[in-house]
Structures are given as structure tokens and as C-alpha cells.
Amino acid sequence: MSDCLFCKIIDGSIPSKKVYEDDDLFAFEDVNPQAPTHILVVPKSHKPTLLELEESDKETIGKVYLVANKLAREKGIDDGFRVVVNCGEKAGQSVFHIHFHLLGGRSFMWPPG
């Protein structure tokens, strides 16, 4: 999608601090980190929210969690981290391209707020 911030990051027209890329996913450091480690794992295929996912997306979404696992180990946060996805404006989603927040490096409270 031509006006999507994350699509532009994925295609390289907006710079990012990339930490991972494969055929299906792109991961980069969040520009407004909410934890010492805050990485966004983004499917390359544009889907605005979780609500647009289809059966054909299940392998890519499963891969998100495997990549989060790999990055958590590489970043040394495998002693405790969160993977968060916001769905819709009321949930705090501000970029409408599905993305998963990998957060770690500090203690978290529950409920998250």
C-alpha cells in the first residue's frame, strides 16, 4: 500500500534500524521504545489489523513468534519479554499495518493498562 508507513519502511523508502528480514517478515527497532528492547515484527504482506487475517496467513503469523523467540535470545531478553499486538484504534493501534511489539529488558506489570 503506497501510503502505509510500514510498507515504506519494508521497501526501504523510509530508513529503519533493521534487525531481521526474510521473505515474509521485516523486524526493526521502534523509534519510540517503551522498553529497553522494543522491536516491531511486521509481516511484509499488508493487512491493516488482525481482523483481516485469513487462513492463508497462519504460517506467516506463526513465523512471527519464532522470529520473536530468535530475537529475544539474541537481544538477551529471554528471561522475560512480551509480544503484543494491538487491534484497532481503541486498543492503541496507530499504524494500520499489522505488527507485533517485542518488548523486554525491564519488568512489566499486569494488567498492562
N, C-alpha and C. Protein backbone atom coordinates (compact mmCIF):
# COMPACT_ATOMS: atom_id res chain seq x y z
N MET A 1 0.86 -1.18 0.00
CA MET A 1 0.00 0.00 0.00
C MET A 1 0.90 1.23 0.00
N SER A 2 0.70 2.12 -0.91
CA SER A 2 1.63 3.22 -1.16
C SER A 2 1.71 4.26 -0.04
N ASP A 3 0.68 4.45 0.75
CA ASP A 3 0.72 5.47 1.79
C ASP A 3 0.97 4.88 3.18
N CYS A 4 1.26 3.60 3.29
CA CYS A 4 1.46 2.94 4.57
C CYS A 4 2.89 3.13 5.06
N LEU A 5 3.04 3.65 6.27
CA LEU A 5 4.35 3.87 6.87
C LEU A 5 5.19 2.60 6.90
N PHE A 6 4.61 1.49 7.36
CA PHE A 6 5.38 0.26 7.47
C PHE A 6 5.71 -0.34 6.10
N CYS A 7 4.84 -0.19 5.13
CA CYS A 7 5.17 -0.64 3.77
C CYS A 7 6.37 0.13 3.23
N LYS A 8 6.43 1.43 3.54
CA LYS A 8 7.56 2.25 3.10
C LYS A 8 8.84 1.87 3.83
N ILE A 9 8.75 1.49 5.09
CA ILE A 9 9.92 1.02 5.83
C ILE A 9 10.40 -0.30 5.23
N ILE A 10 9.46 -1.20 4.96
CA ILE A 10 9.81 -2.51 4.39
C ILE A 10 10.48 -2.36 3.02
N ASP A 11 9.98 -1.44 2.18
CA ASP A 11 10.57 -1.30 0.84
C ASP A 11 11.82 -0.42 0.84
N GLY A 12 12.18 0.14 2.00
CA GLY A 12 13.42 0.90 2.11
C GLY A 12 13.29 2.38 1.80
N SER A 13 12.10 2.84 1.46
CA SER A 13 11.96 4.27 1.16
C SER A 13 11.96 5.14 2.42
N ILE A 14 11.73 4.54 3.57
CA ILE A 14 11.91 5.21 4.86
C ILE A 14 12.94 4.38 5.62
N PRO A 15 14.01 5.01 6.12
CA PRO A 15 15.05 4.25 6.81
C PRO A 15 14.57 3.70 8.16
N SER A 16 15.18 2.60 8.56
CA SER A 16 14.90 1.99 9.86
C SER A 16 16.14 1.28 10.36
N LYS A 17 16.11 0.91 11.62
CA LYS A 17 17.19 0.09 12.19
C LYS A 17 16.74 -1.36 12.13
N LYS A 18 16.95 -1.96 10.97
CA LYS A 18 16.52 -3.34 10.71
C LYS A 18 17.31 -4.30 11.59
N VAL A 19 16.60 -5.27 12.18
CA VAL A 19 17.25 -6.32 12.96
C VAL A 19 17.01 -7.71 12.38
N TYR A 20 16.05 -7.81 11.44
CA TYR A 20 15.75 -9.12 10.85
C TYR A 20 14.96 -8.90 9.57
N GLU A 21 15.20 -9.78 8.59
CA GLU A 21 14.38 -9.78 7.38
C GLU A 21 14.47 -11.14 6.72
N ASP A 22 13.31 -11.60 6.23
CA ASP A 22 13.26 -12.78 5.38
C ASP A 22 12.18 -12.52 4.32
N ASP A 23 11.75 -13.54 3.62
CA ASP A 23 10.77 -13.35 2.54
C ASP A 23 9.42 -12.85 3.04
N ASP A 24 9.07 -13.18 4.29
CA ASP A 24 7.74 -12.88 4.81
C ASP A 24 7.69 -11.77 5.85
N LEU A 25 8.79 -11.56 6.58
CA LEU A 25 8.79 -10.66 7.73
C LEU A 25 9.91 -9.65 7.67
N PHE A 26 9.67 -8.54 8.33
CA PHE A 26 10.68 -7.48 8.49
C PHE A 26 10.60 -7.04 9.95
N ALA A 27 11.73 -6.93 10.62
CA ALA A 27 11.74 -6.50 12.02
C ALA A 27 12.73 -5.36 12.19
N PHE A 28 12.32 -4.37 12.98
CA PHE A 28 13.15 -3.18 13.18
C PHE A 28 12.89 -2.59 14.56
N GLU A 29 13.85 -1.79 15.01
CA GLU A 29 13.72 -1.14 16.31
C GLU A 29 12.65 -0.06 16.26
N ASP A 30 11.82 0.00 17.31
CA ASP A 30 10.78 1.02 17.39
C ASP A 30 11.44 2.38 17.62
N VAL A 31 10.95 3.42 16.94
CA VAL A 31 11.52 4.77 17.09
C VAL A 31 11.09 5.44 18.39
N ASN A 32 10.08 4.90 19.05
CA ASN A 32 9.60 5.42 20.32
C ASN A 32 9.52 4.26 21.32
N PRO A 33 10.68 3.72 21.74
CA PRO A 33 10.68 2.50 22.54
C PRO A 33 10.00 2.65 23.90
N GLN A 34 9.24 1.62 24.26
CA GLN A 34 8.54 1.58 25.54
C GLN A 34 9.23 0.64 26.52
N ALA A 35 10.37 0.11 26.13
CA ALA A 35 11.19 -0.78 26.96
C ALA A 35 12.61 -0.70 26.40
N PRO A 36 13.60 -1.14 27.18
CA PRO A 36 14.98 -1.11 26.67
C PRO A 36 15.14 -1.84 25.33
N THR A 37 14.42 -2.94 25.15
CA THR A 37 14.35 -3.60 23.85
C THR A 37 12.91 -3.47 23.37
N HIS A 38 12.73 -2.85 22.23
CA HIS A 38 11.39 -2.70 21.63
C HIS A 38 11.55 -2.82 20.13
N ILE A 39 11.19 -3.99 19.63
CA ILE A 39 11.33 -4.32 18.22
C ILE A 39 9.94 -4.58 17.65
N LEU A 40 9.71 -4.09 16.44
CA LEU A 40 8.46 -4.37 15.73
C LEU A 40 8.72 -5.47 14.71
N VAL A 41 7.93 -6.52 14.77
CA VAL A 41 8.00 -7.62 13.80
C VAL A 41 6.77 -7.46 12.91
N VAL A 42 7.02 -7.25 11.62
CA VAL A 42 5.96 -6.85 10.70
C VAL A 42 5.90 -7.81 9.51
N PRO A 43 4.73 -8.41 9.27
CA PRO A 43 4.59 -9.17 8.02
C PRO A 43 4.73 -8.23 6.82
N LYS A 44 5.39 -8.68 5.78
CA LYS A 44 5.56 -7.84 4.59
C LYS A 44 4.25 -7.66 3.85
N SER A 45 3.37 -8.62 3.94
CA SER A 45 2.07 -8.51 3.29
C SER A 45 1.21 -7.53 4.08
N HIS A 46 0.65 -6.55 3.39
CA HIS A 46 -0.13 -5.51 4.06
C HIS A 46 -1.51 -6.02 4.47
N LYS A 47 -1.74 -6.05 5.76
CA LYS A 47 -3.05 -6.32 6.35
C LYS A 47 -3.22 -5.27 7.43
N PRO A 48 -4.29 -4.49 7.42
CA PRO A 48 -4.43 -3.40 8.39
C PRO A 48 -4.47 -3.86 9.85
N THR A 49 -5.23 -4.91 10.16
CA THR A 49 -5.36 -5.36 11.55
C THR A 49 -5.48 -6.89 11.59
N LEU A 50 -5.51 -7.42 12.80
CA LEU A 50 -5.73 -8.85 12.99
C LEU A 50 -7.04 -9.31 12.35
N LEU A 51 -8.01 -8.43 12.28
CA LEU A 51 -9.32 -8.80 11.75
C LEU A 51 -9.29 -9.14 10.26
N GLU A 52 -8.26 -8.74 9.56
CA GLU A 52 -8.15 -9.04 8.13
C GLU A 52 -7.39 -10.33 7.86
N LEU A 53 -6.89 -10.99 8.90
CA LEU A 53 -6.15 -12.23 8.67
C LEU A 53 -7.06 -13.32 8.14
N GLU A 54 -6.48 -14.17 7.31
CA GLU A 54 -7.19 -15.29 6.70
C GLU A 54 -6.42 -16.58 6.96
N GLU A 55 -7.03 -17.68 6.65
CA GLU A 55 -6.41 -18.99 6.82
C GLU A 55 -5.02 -19.03 6.16
N SER A 56 -4.89 -18.39 5.02
CA SER A 56 -3.62 -18.41 4.28
C SER A 56 -2.49 -17.66 5.01
N ASP A 57 -2.82 -16.89 6.04
CA ASP A 57 -1.82 -16.13 6.79
C ASP A 57 -1.23 -16.90 7.97
N LYS A 58 -1.75 -18.07 8.26
CA LYS A 58 -1.37 -18.75 9.50
C LYS A 58 0.12 -19.09 9.58
N GLU A 59 0.75 -19.44 8.50
CA GLU A 59 2.19 -19.75 8.54
C GLU A 59 3.01 -18.50 8.84
N THR A 60 2.66 -17.39 8.21
CA THR A 60 3.39 -16.14 8.44
C THR A 60 3.21 -15.69 9.88
N ILE A 61 2.00 -15.76 10.41
CA ILE A 61 1.76 -15.32 11.78
C ILE A 61 2.46 -16.25 12.77
N GLY A 62 2.47 -17.53 12.50
CA GLY A 62 3.23 -18.46 13.34
C GLY A 62 4.72 -18.14 13.31
N LYS A 63 5.21 -17.76 12.15
CA LYS A 63 6.62 -17.41 11.98
C LYS A 63 6.98 -16.16 12.80
N VAL A 64 6.01 -15.25 12.99
CA VAL A 64 6.25 -14.06 13.81
C VAL A 64 6.77 -14.47 15.19
N TYR A 65 6.13 -15.47 15.78
CA TYR A 65 6.51 -15.90 17.13
C TYR A 65 7.86 -16.62 17.14
N LEU A 66 8.19 -17.33 16.09
CA LEU A 66 9.52 -17.95 16.00
C LEU A 66 10.60 -16.89 15.87
N VAL A 67 10.33 -15.85 15.09
CA VAL A 67 11.29 -14.75 14.95
C VAL A 67 11.40 -13.99 16.27
N ALA A 68 10.29 -13.76 16.96
CA ALA A 68 10.34 -13.09 18.26
C ALA A 68 11.20 -13.90 19.23
N ASN A 69 11.06 -15.21 19.21
CA ASN A 69 11.87 -16.10 20.04
C ASN A 69 13.35 -15.92 19.72
N LYS A 70 13.68 -15.96 18.45
CA LYS A 70 15.08 -15.80 18.00
C LYS A 70 15.64 -14.45 18.43
N LEU A 71 14.88 -13.38 18.22
CA LEU A 71 15.35 -12.04 18.57
C LEU A 71 15.47 -11.86 20.08
N ALA A 72 14.54 -12.42 20.83
CA ALA A 72 14.62 -12.34 22.29
C ALA A 72 15.91 -12.98 22.80
N ARG A 73 16.26 -14.12 22.24
CA ARG A 73 17.52 -14.78 22.64
C ARG A 73 18.73 -13.94 22.23
N GLU A 74 18.71 -13.43 20.99
CA GLU A 74 19.83 -12.62 20.51
C GLU A 74 20.02 -11.34 21.32
N LYS A 75 18.92 -10.75 21.75
CA LYS A 75 18.97 -9.49 22.49
C LYS A 75 19.13 -9.69 24.00
N GLY A 76 19.16 -10.96 24.45
CA GLY A 76 19.38 -11.25 25.86
C GLY A 76 18.18 -10.94 26.75
N ILE A 77 16.99 -10.99 26.19
CA ILE A 77 15.79 -10.73 26.99
C ILE A 77 14.96 -11.99 27.19
N ASP A 78 15.57 -13.15 26.96
CA ASP A 78 14.83 -14.40 27.05
C ASP A 78 14.50 -14.81 28.48
N ASP A 79 14.86 -13.97 29.46
CA ASP A 79 14.45 -14.21 30.85
C ASP A 79 13.08 -13.62 31.14
N GLY A 80 12.50 -12.90 30.18
CA GLY A 80 11.17 -12.34 30.32
C GLY A 80 10.92 -11.26 29.28
N PHE A 81 9.90 -11.45 28.47
CA PHE A 81 9.57 -10.47 27.44
C PHE A 81 8.09 -10.60 27.10
N ARG A 82 7.60 -9.63 26.35
CA ARG A 82 6.22 -9.66 25.87
C ARG A 82 6.20 -9.53 24.36
N VAL A 83 5.18 -10.16 23.77
CA VAL A 83 4.85 -9.95 22.37
C VAL A 83 3.42 -9.42 22.38
N VAL A 84 3.25 -8.20 21.88
CA VAL A 84 1.96 -7.52 21.96
C VAL A 84 1.51 -7.12 20.56
N VAL A 85 0.23 -7.32 20.30
CA VAL A 85 -0.37 -6.81 19.06
C VAL A 85 -1.63 -6.05 19.43
N ASN A 86 -1.73 -4.83 18.94
CA ASN A 86 -2.91 -4.01 19.17
C ASN A 86 -3.81 -4.12 17.94
N CYS A 87 -5.10 -4.23 18.17
CA CYS A 87 -6.05 -4.36 17.06
C CYS A 87 -7.08 -3.26 17.15
N GLY A 88 -6.91 -2.23 16.33
CA GLY A 88 -7.86 -1.13 16.28
C GLY A 88 -7.43 0.06 17.12
N GLU A 89 -8.03 1.17 16.79
CA GLU A 89 -7.70 2.44 17.45
C GLU A 89 -7.94 2.40 18.96
N LYS A 90 -9.04 1.80 19.39
CA LYS A 90 -9.35 1.72 20.83
C LYS A 90 -8.31 0.91 21.60
N ALA A 91 -7.61 0.02 20.92
CA ALA A 91 -6.57 -0.78 21.56
C ALA A 91 -5.20 -0.13 21.49
N GLY A 92 -5.12 1.04 20.85
CA GLY A 92 -3.86 1.75 20.76
C GLY A 92 -3.11 1.57 19.46
N GLN A 93 -3.72 0.92 18.48
CA GLN A 93 -3.05 0.77 17.19
C GLN A 93 -3.01 2.11 16.48
N SER A 94 -1.81 2.54 16.09
CA SER A 94 -1.67 3.83 15.42
C SER A 94 -1.21 3.68 13.97
N VAL A 95 -0.59 2.57 13.63
CA VAL A 95 -0.21 2.29 12.24
C VAL A 95 -1.04 1.08 11.81
N PHE A 96 -1.82 1.26 10.76
CA PHE A 96 -2.73 0.20 10.35
C PHE A 96 -2.11 -0.70 9.30
N HIS A 97 -1.07 -1.39 9.76
CA HIS A 97 -0.40 -2.49 9.08
C HIS A 97 -0.05 -3.41 10.25
N ILE A 98 -0.62 -4.60 10.26
CA ILE A 98 -0.45 -5.49 11.41
C ILE A 98 1.02 -5.58 11.80
N HIS A 99 1.28 -5.48 13.10
CA HIS A 99 2.65 -5.56 13.60
C HIS A 99 2.64 -6.04 15.04
N PHE A 100 3.72 -6.65 15.43
CA PHE A 100 3.86 -7.27 16.74
C PHE A 100 5.02 -6.60 17.47
N HIS A 101 4.77 -6.14 18.69
CA HIS A 101 5.78 -5.49 19.51
C HIS A 101 6.49 -6.55 20.34
N LEU A 102 7.80 -6.64 20.22
CA LEU A 102 8.63 -7.46 21.09
C LEU A 102 9.25 -6.51 22.10
N LEU A 103 8.87 -6.68 23.38
CA LEU A 103 9.29 -5.78 24.45
C LEU A 103 10.03 -6.56 25.52
N GLY A 104 11.14 -6.03 25.98
CA GLY A 104 11.89 -6.70 27.05
C GLY A 104 12.96 -5.81 27.62
N GLY A 105 13.65 -6.35 28.61
CA GLY A 105 14.74 -5.61 29.23
C GLY A 105 14.33 -4.86 30.49
N ARG A 106 13.09 -5.04 30.91
CA ARG A 106 12.61 -4.47 32.16
C ARG A 106 11.45 -5.31 32.67
N SER A 107 11.07 -5.10 33.91
CA SER A 107 9.91 -5.81 34.46
C SER A 107 8.63 -5.15 33.98
N PHE A 108 7.61 -5.96 33.80
CA PHE A 108 6.30 -5.49 33.37
C PHE A 108 5.26 -5.75 34.44
N MET A 109 4.24 -4.95 34.45
CA MET A 109 3.15 -5.12 35.40
C MET A 109 1.94 -5.74 34.70
N TRP A 110 1.00 -6.24 35.51
CA TRP A 110 -0.25 -6.76 34.98
C TRP A 110 -1.38 -6.26 35.83
N PRO A 111 -2.48 -5.79 35.25
CA PRO A 111 -2.73 -5.68 33.82
C PRO A 111 -1.93 -4.58 33.18
N PRO A 112 -1.75 -4.66 31.86
CA PRO A 112 -0.88 -3.71 31.19
C PRO A 112 -1.42 -2.29 31.10
N GLY A 113 -2.72 -2.10 31.23
CA GLY A 113 -3.22 -0.72 31.26
C GLY A 113 -4.09 -0.29 30.16
